[in-house]
């Protein structure tokens, strides 16, 4: 069997033509970008910006024009970084939102909800958490009843009802009224 093409490297031996699969994902630009720019995720889910150190892919190199903030485009993931492939791939930087996209295959589902994402990001920062931590803690609370504990950092803090409204918009689900509680606790 012929050797697989080693994309991202110069060719140092005779090789023939080949065809390859490249993992792609629809994402939203968090800033102006150019075709081929190295990109990674910002704090908002599926929103990308240039972050050379944390880059996981590039802006669609076949675009013939720049991408404006808020535009949706394909991110080409770096070769040999996905962890599974069946024409349906897995990459560690993508959270469980992939399952959500499967249930609602519309442009709006892939576009996300920037207002709700920003609200949760701002709320998370206020209580010394990240956007991802907040969503993971909410999911864990809904599935298992587990509370988020960060020592004494969350003492006196609570999860407002507005959080659950934004969570529902992002996850495209409904949280039962009796589950819309605070999932914060302290270690005391």
Protein backbone atom coordinates (compact mmCIF):
# COMPACT_ATOMS: atom_id res chain seq x y z
CA UNK A 1 0.00 0.00 0.00
CA UNK A 2 1.30 3.45 -0.88
CA UNK A 3 2.32 5.80 1.89
CA UNK A 4 -0.32 8.28 2.96
CA UNK A 5 0.29 11.90 1.92
CA UNK A 6 1.88 13.87 4.77
CA UNK A 7 0.11 17.19 4.45
CA UNK A 8 1.90 20.10 6.08
CA UNK A 9 5.32 18.71 5.11
CA UNK A 10 7.47 19.16 2.03
CA UNK A 11 7.65 16.14 -0.27
CA UNK A 12 11.10 14.55 -0.02
CA UNK A 13 10.63 11.41 -2.11
CA UNK A 14 8.86 10.44 -5.35
CA UNK A 15 5.11 10.14 -4.85
CA UNK A 16 2.08 9.80 -7.07
CA UNK A 17 -1.25 11.55 -7.12
CA UNK A 18 -3.70 10.79 -4.36
CA UNK A 19 -7.01 11.87 -2.88
CA UNK A 20 -7.60 12.68 0.77
CA UNK A 21 -10.31 13.35 3.32
CA UNK A 22 -10.10 16.58 5.30
CA UNK A 23 -12.24 17.12 8.39
CA UNK A 24 -14.27 20.33 8.11
CA UNK A 25 -16.74 22.05 10.42
CA UNK A 26 -19.11 24.99 9.94
CA UNK A 27 -18.01 27.82 12.29
CA UNK A 28 -18.70 31.52 12.83
CA UNK A 29 -15.98 34.16 12.59
CA UNK A 30 -15.36 36.06 15.82
CA UNK A 31 -13.15 38.54 13.95
CA UNK A 32 -12.18 39.37 10.36
CA UNK A 33 -10.20 36.49 8.81
CA UNK A 34 -8.49 35.59 5.54
CA UNK A 35 -8.51 32.29 3.65
CA UNK A 36 -5.85 30.00 5.11
CA UNK A 37 -5.54 31.86 8.46
CA UNK A 38 -4.75 29.56 11.40
CA UNK A 39 -7.71 29.60 13.78
CA UNK A 40 -9.00 28.15 17.04
CA UNK A 41 -12.04 28.56 19.23
CA UNK A 42 -12.70 31.66 21.28
CA UNK A 43 -14.78 31.43 24.45
CA UNK A 44 -17.99 31.27 22.41
CA UNK A 45 -18.90 27.84 21.13
CA UNK A 46 -18.13 27.31 17.43
CA UNK A 47 -16.89 30.90 17.08
CA UNK A 48 -13.35 31.19 15.82
CA UNK A 49 -10.62 33.77 15.81
CA UNK A 50 -6.91 33.75 15.14
CA UNK A 51 -5.12 32.11 18.05
CA UNK A 52 -1.87 30.78 16.62
CA UNK A 53 -0.87 28.89 19.78
CA UNK A 54 -4.27 27.20 20.13
CA UNK A 55 -5.04 26.84 16.43
CA UNK A 56 -6.78 23.62 15.43
CA UNK A 57 -7.37 24.40 11.77
CA UNK A 58 -7.48 27.01 9.02
CA UNK A 59 -10.07 29.18 7.32
CA UNK A 60 -11.35 27.57 4.10
CA UNK A 61 -8.35 28.10 1.79
CA UNK A 62 -10.58 27.96 -1.28
CA UNK A 63 -12.48 31.14 -0.40
CA UNK A 64 -11.78 33.96 -2.82
CA UNK A 65 -12.47 36.77 -0.35
CA UNK A 66 -11.95 37.71 3.30
CA UNK A 67 -14.37 36.55 6.00
CA UNK A 68 -16.11 39.24 8.06
CA UNK A 69 -16.91 38.94 11.77
CA UNK A 70 -20.18 36.98 12.08
CA UNK A 71 -19.80 35.21 8.70
CA UNK A 72 -20.19 31.45 8.67
CA UNK A 73 -17.60 29.36 6.82
CA UNK A 74 -15.85 25.98 6.88
CA UNK A 75 -12.87 25.40 9.15
CA UNK A 76 -10.44 22.82 7.75
CA UNK A 77 -8.99 20.91 10.71
CA UNK A 78 -5.28 20.14 10.76
CA UNK A 79 -4.32 16.73 9.35
CA UNK A 80 -4.00 13.82 11.78
CA UNK A 81 -5.76 15.62 14.65
CA UNK A 82 -9.22 14.10 14.57
CA UNK A 83 -9.65 11.08 16.80
CA UNK A 84 -12.23 9.15 14.79
CA UNK A 85 -13.34 9.05 11.16
CA UNK A 86 -16.35 7.51 9.42
CA UNK A 87 -17.21 10.52 7.30
CA UNK A 88 -18.49 11.69 10.67
CA UNK A 89 -15.48 12.77 12.70
CA UNK A 90 -14.63 13.56 16.30
CA UNK A 91 -12.19 16.25 17.52
CA UNK A 92 -11.47 17.08 21.16
CA UNK A 93 -12.05 20.83 20.67
CA UNK A 94 -15.68 20.22 19.72
CA UNK A 95 -17.97 19.66 22.66
CA UNK A 96 -21.22 17.74 22.69
CA UNK A 97 -22.90 20.41 20.54
CA UNK A 98 -22.24 18.04 17.62
CA UNK A 99 -25.07 15.83 18.90
CA UNK A 100 -27.32 18.90 18.99
CA UNK A 101 -26.51 19.76 15.38
CA UNK A 102 -27.57 16.24 14.36
CA UNK A 103 -31.04 16.77 15.83
CA UNK A 104 -31.64 20.09 14.05
CA UNK A 105 -29.87 20.29 10.70
CA UNK A 106 -30.70 23.86 9.85
CA UNK A 107 -28.45 26.80 9.20
CA UNK A 108 -29.67 28.52 12.35
CA UNK A 109 -28.77 25.48 14.47
CA UNK A 110 -25.22 25.57 13.17
CA UNK A 111 -24.99 29.33 13.52
CA UNK A 112 -25.42 29.20 17.28
CA UNK A 113 -26.89 31.86 19.51
CA UNK A 114 -24.29 34.61 20.08
CA UNK A 115 -26.52 36.57 22.49
CA UNK A 116 -27.12 33.58 24.77
CA UNK A 117 -23.48 32.48 24.48
CA UNK A 118 -22.28 35.97 25.48
CA UNK A 119 -24.72 36.12 28.41
CA UNK A 120 -23.48 32.78 29.77
CA UNK A 121 -19.84 33.74 29.13
CA UNK A 122 -20.30 37.00 31.07
CA UNK A 123 -22.13 35.23 33.90
CA UNK A 124 -19.46 32.51 34.06
CA UNK A 125 -16.67 35.11 34.31
CA UNK A 126 -18.57 36.86 37.12
CA UNK A 127 -18.43 33.65 39.20
CA UNK A 128 -14.86 32.78 38.14
CA UNK A 129 -15.80 30.00 35.68
CA UNK A 130 -15.54 29.51 31.94
CA UNK A 131 -18.36 29.15 29.42
CA UNK A 132 -17.54 25.45 28.99
CA UNK A 133 -17.40 24.81 32.74
CA UNK A 134 -20.80 26.45 33.16
CA UNK A 135 -22.47 24.37 30.43
CA UNK A 136 -20.83 21.14 31.63
CA UNK A 137 -21.92 21.86 35.22
CA UNK A 138 -25.50 22.56 34.08
CA UNK A 139 -25.60 19.33 32.05
CA UNK A 140 -24.17 17.36 34.97
CA UNK A 141 -26.72 18.89 37.34
CA UNK A 142 -29.61 18.03 35.02
CA UNK A 143 -28.38 14.46 34.44
CA UNK A 144 -27.11 13.49 37.89
CA UNK A 145 -28.13 16.23 40.34
CA UNK A 146 -24.45 17.01 41.03
CA UNK A 147 -23.60 20.53 42.15
CA UNK A 148 -20.66 22.67 41.00
CA UNK A 149 -18.23 23.22 43.89
CA UNK A 150 -15.21 25.51 43.64
CA UNK A 151 -14.20 25.64 47.29
CA UNK A 152 -15.61 28.82 48.80
CA UNK A 153 -15.61 30.72 45.47
CA UNK A 154 -19.33 30.16 44.89
CA UNK A 155 -20.46 30.97 48.44
CA UNK A 156 -23.37 33.38 48.21
CA UNK A 157 -23.64 32.94 44.41
CA UNK A 158 -26.64 31.39 42.69
CA UNK A 159 -27.79 30.45 39.20
CA UNK A 160 -30.54 32.87 38.14
CA UNK A 161 -33.55 31.82 36.08
CA UNK A 162 -32.16 33.87 33.17
CA UNK A 163 -29.28 31.35 32.95
CA UNK A 164 -31.77 28.58 32.22
CA UNK A 165 -33.44 30.69 29.52
CA UNK A 166 -30.07 31.16 27.79
CA UNK A 167 -29.15 27.49 28.32
CA UNK A 168 -32.40 26.45 26.59
CA UNK A 169 -31.62 28.71 23.63
CA UNK A 170 -28.11 27.32 23.23
CA UNK A 171 -29.05 23.67 23.71
CA UNK A 172 -32.38 23.98 21.91
CA UNK A 173 -34.12 22.15 24.71
CA UNK A 174 -36.56 22.85 27.52
CA UNK A 175 -35.56 22.59 31.17
CA UNK A 176 -38.43 21.54 33.43
CA UNK A 177 -39.54 24.21 35.92
CA UNK A 178 -38.59 22.06 38.93
CA UNK A 179 -35.04 21.58 37.49
CA UNK A 180 -34.37 25.30 37.03
CA UNK A 181 -32.47 25.63 40.32
CA UNK A 182 -29.05 26.85 41.31
CA UNK A 183 -26.42 24.13 40.94
CA UNK A 184 -23.74 26.01 42.91
CA UNK A 185 -22.47 24.86 46.28
CA UNK A 186 -19.54 25.70 48.51
CA UNK A 187 -17.23 23.34 50.38
CA UNK A 188 -18.31 24.49 53.84
